Amino acid sequence: MNRYPDIKRATWDNPWRRTACVVTADDGTFGLGITTHDAPVEQIINGHFASSLVGQDPMATEKCWDIMRRISAPYGSSGLTSYAISAVDNAIWDLVLLR
């Protein structure tokens, strides 16, 4: 962006902030995952991943990760989707390690 000195950094910087993902097990224990790009990532997690992950065994970490990876295939698992997968995966692992 140095090529465009009339565009100030504050106008092209990322406007999104951190977001937290909380995964809660049936017994009430929970895990926490933190990521960036709040609104778009929240939409992927809550609007797409949640419906497929609710009811899954959180101890099956690899299965949960694979579900997210496969259902995001139509729009790709890189970019913002990778932030969403990471937040959920970290929350699941946090839950697993706290049990």
PDB file of N, CA and C in Angstrom:
ATOM      1  N   MET A   1       0.814  -1.191   0.000  1.00  0.00           N
ATOM      2  CA  MET A   1       0.000   0.000   0.000  1.00  0.00           C
ATOM      3  C   MET A   1       0.859   1.258   0.000  1.00  0.00           C
ATOM      4  N   ASN A   2       2.160   1.119   0.114  1.00  0.00           N
ATOM      5  CA  ASN A   2       3.039   2.284   0.027  1.00  0.00           C
ATOM      6  C   ASN A   2       2.892   2.987  -1.321  1.00  0.00           C
ATOM      7  N   ARG A   3       2.417   2.265  -2.293  1.00  0.00           N
ATOM      8  CA  ARG A   3       2.206   2.801  -3.632  1.00  0.00           C
ATOM      9  C   ARG A   3       1.103   3.854  -3.646  1.00  0.00           C
ATOM     10  N   TYR A   4       0.233   3.818  -2.632  1.00  0.00           N
ATOM     11  CA  TYR A   4      -0.913   4.723  -2.568  1.00  0.00           C
ATOM     12  C   TYR A   4      -0.854   5.554  -1.282  1.00  0.00           C
ATOM     13  N   PRO A   5      -0.013   6.565  -1.238  1.00  0.00           N
ATOM     14  CA  PRO A   5       0.161   7.344   0.002  1.00  0.00           C
ATOM     15  C   PRO A   5      -1.081   8.121   0.413  1.00  0.00           C
ATOM     16  N   ASP A   6      -2.012   8.338  -0.512  1.00  0.00           N
ATOM     17  CA  ASP A   6      -3.216   9.080  -0.160  1.00  0.00           C
ATOM     18  C   ASP A   6      -4.232   8.221   0.612  1.00  0.00           C
ATOM     19  N   ILE A   7      -4.017   6.893   0.643  1.00  0.00           N
ATOM     20  CA  ILE A   7      -4.896   6.003   1.406  1.00  0.00           C
ATOM     21  C   ILE A   7      -4.207   5.687   2.723  1.00  0.00           C
ATOM     22  N   LYS A   8      -4.768   6.199   3.801  1.00  0.00           N
ATOM     23  CA  LYS A   8      -4.180   6.020   5.117  1.00  0.00           C
ATOM     24  C   LYS A   8      -4.395   4.602   5.623  1.00  0.00           C
ATOM     25  N   ARG A   9      -3.425   4.094   6.352  1.00  0.00           N
ATOM     26  CA  ARG A   9      -3.466   2.720   6.859  1.00  0.00           C
ATOM     27  C   ARG A   9      -4.767   2.424   7.616  1.00  0.00           C
ATOM     28  N   ALA A  10      -5.240   3.367   8.384  1.00  0.00           N
ATOM     29  CA  ALA A  10      -6.448   3.132   9.178  1.00  0.00           C
ATOM     30  C   ALA A  10      -7.650   2.786   8.309  1.00  0.00           C
ATOM     31  N   THR A  11      -7.671   3.182   7.056  1.00  0.00           N
ATOM     32  CA  THR A  11      -8.826   2.909   6.199  1.00  0.00           C
ATOM     33  C   THR A  11      -8.763   1.543   5.527  1.00  0.00           C
ATOM     34  N   TRP A  12      -7.590   0.916   5.463  1.00  0.00           N
ATOM     35  CA  TRP A  12      -7.528  -0.391   4.804  1.00  0.00           C
ATOM     36  C   TRP A  12      -7.154  -1.501   5.767  1.00  0.00           C
ATOM     37  N   ASP A  13      -7.004  -1.175   7.023  1.00  0.00           N
ATOM     38  CA  ASP A  13      -6.678  -2.184   8.022  1.00  0.00           C
ATOM     39  C   ASP A  13      -7.900  -3.062   8.293  1.00  0.00           C
ATOM     40  N   ASN A  14      -7.658  -4.253   8.790  1.00  0.00           N
ATOM     41  CA  ASN A  14      -8.694  -5.212   9.113  1.00  0.00           C
ATOM     42  C   ASN A  14      -9.608  -4.658  10.217  1.00  0.00           C
ATOM     43  N   PRO A  15     -10.907  -4.506   9.953  1.00  0.00           N
ATOM     44  CA  PRO A  15     -11.805  -3.954  10.968  1.00  0.00           C
ATOM     45  C   PRO A  15     -12.289  -4.992  11.980  1.00  0.00           C
ATOM     46  N   TRP A  16     -12.007  -6.267  11.743  1.00  0.00           N
ATOM     47  CA  TRP A  16     -12.531  -7.326  12.601  1.00  0.00           C
ATOM     48  C   TRP A  16     -11.642  -7.554  13.814  1.00  0.00           C
ATOM     49  N   ARG A  17     -12.226  -7.932  14.885  1.00  0.00           N
ATOM     50  CA  ARG A  17     -11.519  -8.173  16.139  1.00  0.00           C
ATOM     51  C   ARG A  17     -11.569  -9.655  16.512  1.00  0.00           C
ATOM     52  N   ARG A  18     -11.042  -9.967  17.673  1.00  0.00           N
ATOM     53  CA  ARG A  18     -11.025 -11.353  18.133  1.00  0.00           C
ATOM     54  C   ARG A  18     -12.428 -11.823  18.475  1.00  0.00           C
ATOM     55  N   THR A  19     -12.592 -13.128  18.425  1.00  0.00           N
ATOM     56  CA  THR A  19     -13.847 -13.731  18.843  1.00  0.00           C
ATOM     57  C   THR A  19     -13.535 -14.990  19.632  1.00  0.00           C
ATOM     58  N   ALA A  20     -14.450 -15.375  20.480  1.00  0.00           N
ATOM     59  CA  ALA A  20     -14.295 -16.579  21.293  1.00  0.00           C
ATOM     60  C   ALA A  20     -15.300 -17.623  20.841  1.00  0.00           C
ATOM     61  N   CYS A  21     -14.851 -18.858  20.833  1.00  0.00           N
ATOM     62  CA  CYS A  21     -15.721 -19.991  20.528  1.00  0.00           C
ATOM     63  C   CYS A  21     -15.785 -20.851  21.785  1.00  0.00           C
ATOM     64  N   VAL A  22     -16.982 -21.096  22.264  1.00  0.00           N
ATOM     65  CA  VAL A  22     -17.171 -21.933  23.443  1.00  0.00           C
ATOM     66  C   VAL A  22     -17.893 -23.204  23.011  1.00  0.00           C
ATOM     67  N   VAL A  23     -17.282 -24.350  23.323  1.00  0.00           N
ATOM     68  CA  VAL A  23     -17.890 -25.649  23.052  1.00  0.00           C
ATOM     69  C   VAL A  23     -18.282 -26.235  24.395  1.00  0.00           C
ATOM     70  N   THR A  24     -19.556 -26.557  24.549  1.00  0.00           N
ATOM     71  CA  THR A  24     -20.076 -27.078  25.811  1.00  0.00           C
ATOM     72  C   THR A  24     -20.521 -28.519  25.634  1.00  0.00           C
ATOM     73  N   ALA A  25     -20.063 -29.376  26.538  1.00  0.00           N
ATOM     74  CA  ALA A  25     -20.438 -30.786  26.517  1.00  0.00           C
ATOM     75  C   ALA A  25     -21.754 -30.989  27.256  1.00  0.00           C
ATOM     76  N   ASP A  26     -22.333 -32.169  27.108  1.00  0.00           N
ATOM     77  CA  ASP A  26     -23.603 -32.483  27.770  1.00  0.00           C
ATOM     78  C   ASP A  26     -23.520 -32.365  29.283  1.00  0.00           C
ATOM     79  N   ASP A  27     -22.348 -32.611  29.858  1.00  0.00           N
ATOM     80  CA  ASP A  27     -22.210 -32.550  31.313  1.00  0.00           C
ATOM     81  C   ASP A  27     -21.941 -31.138  31.827  1.00  0.00           C
ATOM     82  N   GLY A  28     -21.939 -30.155  30.947  1.00  0.00           N
ATOM     83  CA  GLY A  28     -21.762 -28.766  31.343  1.00  0.00           C
ATOM     84  C   GLY A  28     -20.328 -28.257  31.276  1.00  0.00           C
ATOM     85  N   THR A  29     -19.356 -29.162  31.108  1.00  0.00           N
ATOM     86  CA  THR A  29     -17.979 -28.700  30.951  1.00  0.00           C
ATOM     87  C   THR A  29     -17.848 -28.012  29.601  1.00  0.00           C
ATOM     88  N   PHE A  30     -16.894 -27.107  29.503  1.00  0.00           N
ATOM     89  CA  PHE A  30     -16.755 -26.369  28.260  1.00  0.00           C
ATOM     90  C   PHE A  30     -15.294 -26.110  27.949  1.00  0.00           C
ATOM     91  N   GLY A  31     -15.042 -25.827  26.693  1.00  0.00           N
ATOM     92  CA  GLY A  31     -13.715 -25.456  26.231  1.00  0.00           C
ATOM     93  C   GLY A  31     -13.799 -24.140  25.494  1.00  0.00           C
ATOM     94  N   LEU A  32     -12.674 -23.436  25.435  1.00  0.00           N
ATOM     95  CA  LEU A  32     -12.629 -22.110  24.836  1.00  0.00           C
ATOM     96  C   LEU A  32     -11.569 -22.049  23.752  1.00  0.00           C
ATOM     97  N   GLY A  33     -11.929 -21.503  22.613  1.00  0.00           N
ATOM     98  CA  GLY A  33     -11.004 -21.256  21.516  1.00  0.00           C
ATOM     99  C   GLY A  33     -11.111 -19.801  21.087  1.00  0.00           C
ATOM    100  N   ILE A  34      -9.994 -19.152  20.881  1.00  0.00           N
ATOM    101  CA  ILE A  34      -9.967 -17.739  20.495  1.00  0.00           C
ATOM    102  C   ILE A  34      -9.397 -17.623  19.085  1.00  0.00           C
ATOM    103  N   THR A  35      -9.973 -16.733  18.303  1.00  0.00           N
ATOM    104  CA  THR A  35      -9.461 -16.485  16.958  1.00  0.00           C
ATOM    105  C   THR A  35      -9.727 -15.024  16.596  1.00  0.00           C
ATOM    106  N   THR A  36      -9.349 -14.652  15.398  1.00  0.00           N
ATOM    107  CA  THR A  36      -9.576 -13.293  14.917  1.00  0.00           C
ATOM    108  C   THR A  36     -10.658 -13.294  13.845  1.00  0.00           C
ATOM    109  N   HIS A  37     -10.952 -12.126  13.300  1.00  0.00           N
ATOM    110  CA  HIS A  37     -11.951 -11.949  12.229  1.00  0.00           C
ATOM    111  C   HIS A  37     -13.349 -12.285  12.728  1.00  0.00           C
ATOM    112  N   ASP A  38     -13.788 -11.609  13.755  1.00  0.00           N
ATOM    113  CA  ASP A  38     -14.985 -11.946  14.510  1.00  0.00           C
ATOM    114  C   ASP A  38     -16.241 -12.262  13.699  1.00  0.00           C
ATOM    115  N   ALA A  39     -16.851 -11.307  13.070  1.00  0.00           N
ATOM    116  CA  ALA A  39     -18.152 -11.520  12.425  1.00  0.00           C
ATOM    117  C   ALA A  39     -18.139 -12.591  11.337  1.00  0.00           C
ATOM    118  N   PRO A  40     -17.204 -12.570  10.393  1.00  0.00           N
ATOM    119  CA  PRO A  40     -17.226 -13.611   9.371  1.00  0.00           C
ATOM    120  C   PRO A  40     -16.989 -15.012   9.943  1.00  0.00           C
ATOM    121  N   VAL A  41     -16.092 -15.113  10.907  1.00  0.00           N
ATOM    122  CA  VAL A  41     -15.791 -16.416  11.508  1.00  0.00           C
ATOM    123  C   VAL A  41     -16.974 -16.900  12.342  1.00  0.00           C
ATOM    124  N   GLU A  42     -17.613 -15.998  13.075  1.00  0.00           N
ATOM    125  CA  GLU A  42     -18.791 -16.365  13.855  1.00  0.00           C
ATOM    126  C   GLU A  42     -19.884 -16.918  12.950  1.00  0.00           C
ATOM    127  N   GLN A  43     -20.045 -16.326  11.782  1.00  0.00           N
ATOM    128  CA  GLN A  43     -21.066 -16.808  10.852  1.00  0.00           C
ATOM    129  C   GLN A  43     -20.755 -18.226  10.373  1.00  0.00           C
ATOM    130  N   ILE A  44     -19.506 -18.497  10.102  1.00  0.00           N
ATOM    131  CA  ILE A  44     -19.128 -19.854   9.667  1.00  0.00           C
ATOM    132  C   ILE A  44     -19.369 -20.848  10.795  1.00  0.00           C
ATOM    133  N   ILE A  45     -18.959 -20.487  12.014  1.00  0.00           N
ATOM    134  CA  ILE A  45     -19.117 -21.401  13.150  1.00  0.00           C
ATOM    135  C   ILE A  45     -20.596 -21.611  13.475  1.00  0.00           C
ATOM    136  N   ASN A  46     -21.310 -20.520  13.724  1.00  0.00           N
ATOM    137  CA  ASN A  46     -22.707 -20.624  14.157  1.00  0.00           C
ATOM    138  C   ASN A  46     -23.662 -20.935  13.015  1.00  0.00           C
ATOM    139  N   GLY A  47     -23.376 -20.388  11.850  1.00  0.00           N
ATOM    140  CA  GLY A  47     -24.283 -20.557  10.723  1.00  0.00           C
ATOM    141  C   GLY A  47     -24.079 -21.825   9.929  1.00  0.00           C
ATOM    142  N   HIS A  48     -22.919 -22.471  10.089  1.00  0.00           N
ATOM    143  CA  HIS A  48     -22.672 -23.659   9.288  1.00  0.00           C
ATOM    144  C   HIS A  48     -22.178 -24.847  10.107  1.00  0.00           C
ATOM    145  N   PHE A  49     -21.109 -24.672  10.866  1.00  0.00           N
ATOM    146  CA  PHE A  49     -20.518 -25.794  11.594  1.00  0.00           C
ATOM    147  C   PHE A  49     -21.404 -26.312  12.722  1.00  0.00           C
ATOM    148  N   ALA A  50     -22.033 -25.416  13.454  1.00  0.00           N
ATOM    149  CA  ALA A  50     -22.755 -25.801  14.670  1.00  0.00           C
ATOM    150  C   ALA A  50     -23.791 -26.887  14.425  1.00  0.00           C
ATOM    151  N   SER A  51     -24.553 -26.766  13.366  1.00  0.00           N
ATOM    152  CA  SER A  51     -25.630 -27.736  13.124  1.00  0.00           C
ATOM    153  C   SER A  51     -25.089 -29.140  12.892  1.00  0.00           C
ATOM    154  N   SER A  52     -23.877 -29.264  12.399  1.00  0.00           N
ATOM    155  CA  SER A  52     -23.286 -30.588  12.170  1.00  0.00           C
ATOM    156  C   SER A  52     -22.507 -31.098  13.374  1.00  0.00           C
ATOM    157  N   LEU A  53     -22.079 -30.202  14.247  1.00  0.00           N
ATOM    158  CA  LEU A  53     -21.261 -30.610  15.392  1.00  0.00           C
ATOM    159  C   LEU A  53     -22.071 -30.852  16.666  1.00  0.00           C
ATOM    160  N   VAL A  54     -23.232 -30.221  16.777  1.00  0.00           N
ATOM    161  CA  VAL A  54     -24.065 -30.435  17.966  1.00  0.00           C
ATOM    162  C   VAL A  54     -24.441 -31.911  18.030  1.00  0.00           C
ATOM    163  N   GLY A  55     -24.190 -32.509  19.188  1.00  0.00           N
ATOM    164  CA  GLY A  55     -24.495 -33.924  19.379  1.00  0.00           C
ATOM    165  C   GLY A  55     -23.319 -34.845  19.135  1.00  0.00           C
ATOM    166  N   GLN A  56     -22.237 -34.331  18.557  1.00  0.00           N
ATOM    167  CA  GLN A  56     -21.040 -35.138  18.335  1.00  0.00           C
ATOM    168  C   GLN A  56     -20.292 -35.323  19.653  1.00  0.00           C
ATOM    169  N   ASP A  57     -19.531 -36.397  19.751  1.00  0.00           N
ATOM    170  CA  ASP A  57     -18.706 -36.650  20.922  1.00  0.00           C
ATOM    171  C   ASP A  57     -17.473 -35.760  20.852  1.00  0.00           C
ATOM    172  N   PRO A  58     -17.301 -34.826  21.789  1.00  0.00           N
ATOM    173  CA  PRO A  58     -16.131 -33.943  21.725  1.00  0.00           C
ATOM    174  C   PRO A  58     -14.809 -34.683  21.929  1.00  0.00           C
ATOM    175  N   MET A  59     -14.883 -35.884  22.498  1.00  0.00           N
ATOM    176  CA  MET A  59     -13.657 -36.675  22.662  1.00  0.00           C
ATOM    177  C   MET A  59     -13.146 -37.203  21.318  1.00  0.00           C
ATOM    178  N   ALA A  60     -14.000 -37.204  20.323  1.00  0.00           N
ATOM    179  CA  ALA A  60     -13.617 -37.623  18.968  1.00  0.00           C
ATOM    180  C   ALA A  60     -13.106 -36.397  18.220  1.00  0.00           C
ATOM    181  N   THR A  61     -11.968 -35.881  18.654  1.00  0.00           N
ATOM    182  CA  THR A  61     -11.438 -34.624  18.120  1.00  0.00           C
ATOM    183  C   THR A  61     -11.179 -34.686  16.623  1.00  0.00           C
ATOM    184  N   GLU A  62     -10.601 -35.796  16.173  1.00  0.00           N
ATOM    185  CA  GLU A  62     -10.284 -35.916  14.749  1.00  0.00           C
ATOM    186  C   GLU A  62     -11.542 -35.955  13.902  1.00  0.00           C
ATOM    187  N   LYS A  63     -12.583 -36.614  14.412  1.00  0.00           N
ATOM    188  CA  LYS A  63     -13.853 -36.675  13.679  1.00  0.00           C
ATOM    189  C   LYS A  63     -14.467 -35.282  13.557  1.00  0.00           C
ATOM    190  N   CYS A  64     -14.466 -34.532  14.657  1.00  0.00           N
ATOM    191  CA  CYS A  64     -15.032 -33.178  14.624  1.00  0.00           C
ATOM    192  C   CYS A  64     -14.279 -32.297  13.633  1.00  0.00           C
ATOM    193  N   TRP A  65     -12.949 -32.405  13.648  1.00  0.00           N
ATOM    194  CA  TRP A  65     -12.144 -31.631  12.701  1.00  0.00           C
ATOM    195  C   TRP A  65     -12.477 -32.036  11.261  1.00  0.00           C
ATOM    196  N   ASP A  66     -12.579 -33.332  11.029  1.00  0.00           N
ATOM    197  CA  ASP A  66     -12.864 -33.838   9.685  1.00  0.00           C
ATOM    198  C   ASP A  66     -14.240 -33.379   9.201  1.00  0.00           C
ATOM    199  N   ILE A  67     -15.214 -33.355  10.088  1.00  0.00           N
ATOM    200  CA  ILE A  67     -16.551 -32.870   9.722  1.00  0.00           C
ATOM    201  C   ILE A  67     -16.466 -31.425   9.243  1.00  0.00           C
ATOM    202  N   MET A  68     -15.765 -30.576  10.024  1.00  0.00           N
ATOM    203  CA  MET A  68     -15.646 -29.164   9.634  1.00  0.00           C
ATOM    204  C   MET A  68     -14.928 -29.027   8.300  1.00  0.00           C
ATOM    205  N   ARG A  69     -13.879 -29.778   8.122  1.00  0.00           N
ATOM    206  CA  ARG A  69     -13.095 -29.712   6.888  1.00  0.00           C
ATOM    207  C   ARG A  69     -13.938 -30.118   5.684  1.00  0.00           C
ATOM    208  N   ARG A  70     -14.681 -31.183   5.827  1.00  0.00           N
ATOM    209  CA  ARG A  70     -15.479 -31.698   4.707  1.00  0.00           C
ATOM    210  C   ARG A  70     -16.690 -30.821   4.381  1.00  0.00           C
ATOM    211  N   ILE A  71     -17.385 -30.310   5.409  1.00  0.00           N
ATOM    212  CA  ILE A  71     -18.576 -29.499   5.096  1.00  0.00           C
ATOM    213  C   ILE A  71     -18.197 -28.111   4.588  1.00  0.00           C
ATOM    214  N   SER A  72     -16.954 -27.703   4.805  1.00  0.00           N
ATOM    215  CA  SER A  72     -16.527 -26.409   4.269  1.00  0.00           C
ATOM    216  C   SER A  72     -15.923 -26.534   2.875  1.00  0.00           C
ATOM    217  N   ALA A  73     -15.836 -27.740   2.356  1.00  0.00           N
ATOM    218  CA  ALA A  73     -15.235 -27.964   1.036  1.00  0.00           C
ATOM    219  C   ALA A  73     -15.886 -27.137  -0.084  1.00  0.00           C
ATOM    220  N   PRO A  74     -17.210 -26.931  -0.092  1.00  0.00           N
ATOM    221  CA  PRO A  74     -17.798 -26.161  -1.190  1.00  0.00           C
ATOM    222  C   PRO A  74     -17.263 -24.731  -1.309  1.00  0.00           C
ATOM    223  N   TYR A  75     -16.853 -24.128  -0.198  1.00  0.00           N
ATOM    224  CA  TYR A  75     -16.319 -22.767  -0.265  1.00  0.00           C
ATOM    225  C   TYR A  75     -14.865 -22.703   0.168  1.00  0.00           C
ATOM    226  N   GLY A  76     -14.260 -23.838   0.465  1.00  0.00           N
ATOM    227  CA  GLY A  76     -12.835 -23.896   0.778  1.00  0.00           C
ATOM    228  C   GLY A  76     -12.553 -23.859   2.261  1.00  0.00           C
ATOM    229  N   SER A  77     -11.514 -24.574   2.662  1.00  0.00           N
ATOM    230  CA  SER A  77     -11.180 -24.642   4.090  1.00  0.00           C
ATOM    231  C   SER A  77      -9.994 -23.742   4.446  1.00  0.00           C
ATOM    232  N   SER A  78      -9.615 -22.878   3.532  1.00  0.00           N
ATOM    233  CA  SER A  78      -8.524 -21.938   3.827  1.00  0.00           C
ATOM    234  C   SER A  78      -9.117 -20.580   4.164  1.00  0.00           C
ATOM    235  N   GLY A  79      -8.276 -19.609   4.378  1.00  0.00           N
ATOM    236  CA  GLY A  79      -8.740 -18.247   4.658  1.00  0.00           C
ATOM    237  C   GLY A  79      -9.559 -18.168   5.926  1.00  0.00           C
ATOM    238  N   LEU A  80     -10.672 -17.451   5.882  1.00  0.00           N
ATOM    239  CA  LEU A  80     -11.506 -17.269   7.060  1.00  0.00           C
ATOM    240  C   LEU A  80     -12.009 -18.590   7.627  1.00  0.00           C
ATOM    241  N   THR A  81     -12.254 -19.548   6.768  1.00  0.00           N
ATOM    242  CA  THR A  81     -12.716 -20.855   7.230  1.00  0.00           C
ATOM    243  C   THR A  81     -11.682 -21.510   8.117  1.00  0.00           C
ATOM    244  N   SER A  82     -10.409 -21.346   7.799  1.00  0.00           N
ATOM    245  CA  SER A  82      -9.364 -21.950   8.632  1.00  0.00           C
ATOM    246  C   SER A  82      -9.352 -21.333  10.025  1.00  0.00           C
ATOM    247  N   TYR A  83      -9.699 -20.053  10.144  1.00  0.00           N
ATOM    248  CA  TYR A  83      -9.802 -19.421  11.452  1.00  0.00           C
ATOM    249  C   TYR A  83     -10.970 -20.018  12.242  1.00  0.00           C
ATOM    250  N   ALA A  84     -12.073 -20.284  11.564  1.00  0.00           N
ATOM    251  CA  ALA A  84     -13.235 -20.886  12.219  1.00  0.00           C
ATOM    252  C   ALA A  84     -12.923 -22.311  12.674  1.00  0.00           C
ATOM    253  N   ILE A  85     -12.317 -23.092  11.797  1.00  0.00           N
ATOM    254  CA  ILE A  85     -11.946 -24.463  12.150  1.00  0.00           C
ATOM    255  C   ILE A  85     -10.998 -24.450  13.341  1.00  0.00           C
ATOM    256  N   SER A  86     -10.036 -23.561  13.317  1.00  0.00           N
ATOM    257  CA  SER A  86      -9.061 -23.469  14.395  1.00  0.00           C
ATOM    258  C   SER A  86      -9.723 -23.114  15.728  1.00  0.00           C
ATOM    259  N   ALA A  87     -10.636 -22.170  15.730  1.00  0.00           N
ATOM    260  CA  ALA A  87     -11.309 -21.771  16.965  1.00  0.00           C
ATOM    261  C   ALA A  87     -12.095 -22.924  17.567  1.00  0.00           C
ATOM    262  N   VAL A  88     -12.847 -23.623  16.730  1.00  0.00           N
ATOM    263  CA  VAL A  88     -13.645 -24.752  17.220  1.00  0.00           C
ATOM    264  C   VAL A  88     -12.726 -25.882  17.674  1.00  0.00           C
ATOM    265  N   ASP A  89     -11.712 -26.179  16.882  1.00  0.00           N
ATOM    266  CA  ASP A  89     -10.777 -27.249  17.226  1.00  0.00           C
ATOM    267  C   ASP A  89     -10.072 -26.955  18.553  1.00  0.00           C
ATOM    268  N   ASN A  90      -9.628 -25.718  18.742  1.00  0.00           N
ATOM    269  CA  ASN A  90      -8.983 -25.353  20.008  1.00  0.00           C
ATOM    270  C   ASN A  90      -9.953 -25.457  21.179  1.00  0.00           C
ATOM    271  N   ALA A  91     -11.197 -25.066  20.973  1.00  0.00           N
ATOM    272  CA  ALA A  91     -12.199 -25.170  22.041  1.00  0.00           C
ATOM    273  C   ALA A  91     -12.463 -26.636  22.390  1.00  0.00           C
ATOM    274  N   ILE A  92     -12.530 -27.480  21.374  1.00  0.00           N
ATOM    275  CA  ILE A  92     -12.740 -28.908  21.623  1.00  0.00           C
ATOM    276  C   ILE A  92     -11.562 -29.491  22.398  1.00  0.00           C
ATOM    277  N   TRP A  93     -10.343 -29.158  21.977  1.00  0.00           N
ATOM    278  CA  TRP A  93      -9.171 -29.680  22.681  1.00  0.00           C
ATOM    279  C   TRP A  93      -9.100 -29.130  24.100  1.00  0.00           C
ATOM    280  N   ASP A  94      -9.480 -27.895  24.315  1.00  0.00           N
ATOM    281  CA  ASP A  94      -9.514 -27.328  25.662  1.00  0.00           C
ATOM    282  C   ASP A  94     -10.489 -28.101  26.521  1.00  0.00           C
ATOM    283  N   LEU A  95     -11.652 -28.411  25.966  1.00  0.00           N
ATOM    284  CA  LEU A  95     -12.658 -29.203  26.673  1.00  0.00           C
ATOM    285  C   LEU A  95     -12.104 -30.578  27.012  1.00  0.00           C
ATOM    286  N   VAL A  96     -11.503 -31.238  26.042  1.00  0.00           N
ATOM    287  CA  VAL A  96     -10.951 -32.584  26.238  1.00  0.00           C
ATOM    288  C   VAL A  96      -9.892 -32.594  27.342  1.00  0.00           C
ATOM    289  N   LEU A  97      -9.009 -31.601  27.314  1.00  0.00           N
ATOM    290  CA  LEU A  97      -7.918 -31.576  28.284  1.00  0.00           C
ATOM    291  C   LEU A  97      -8.387 -31.205  29.682  1.00  0.00           C
ATOM    292  N   LEU A  98      -9.536 -30.554  29.808  1.00  0.00           N
ATOM    293  CA  LEU A  98     -10.061 -30.188  31.117  1.00  0.00           C
ATOM    294  C   LEU A  98     -10.888 -31.296  31.753  1.00  0.00           C
ATOM    295  N   ARG A  99     -11.267 -32.290  30.973  1.00  0.00           N
ATOM    296  CA  ARG A  99     -12.104 -33.383  31.498  1.00  0.00           C
ATOM    297  C   ARG A  99     -11.319 -34.326  32.339  1.00  0.00           C
TER     298      ARG A  99
END
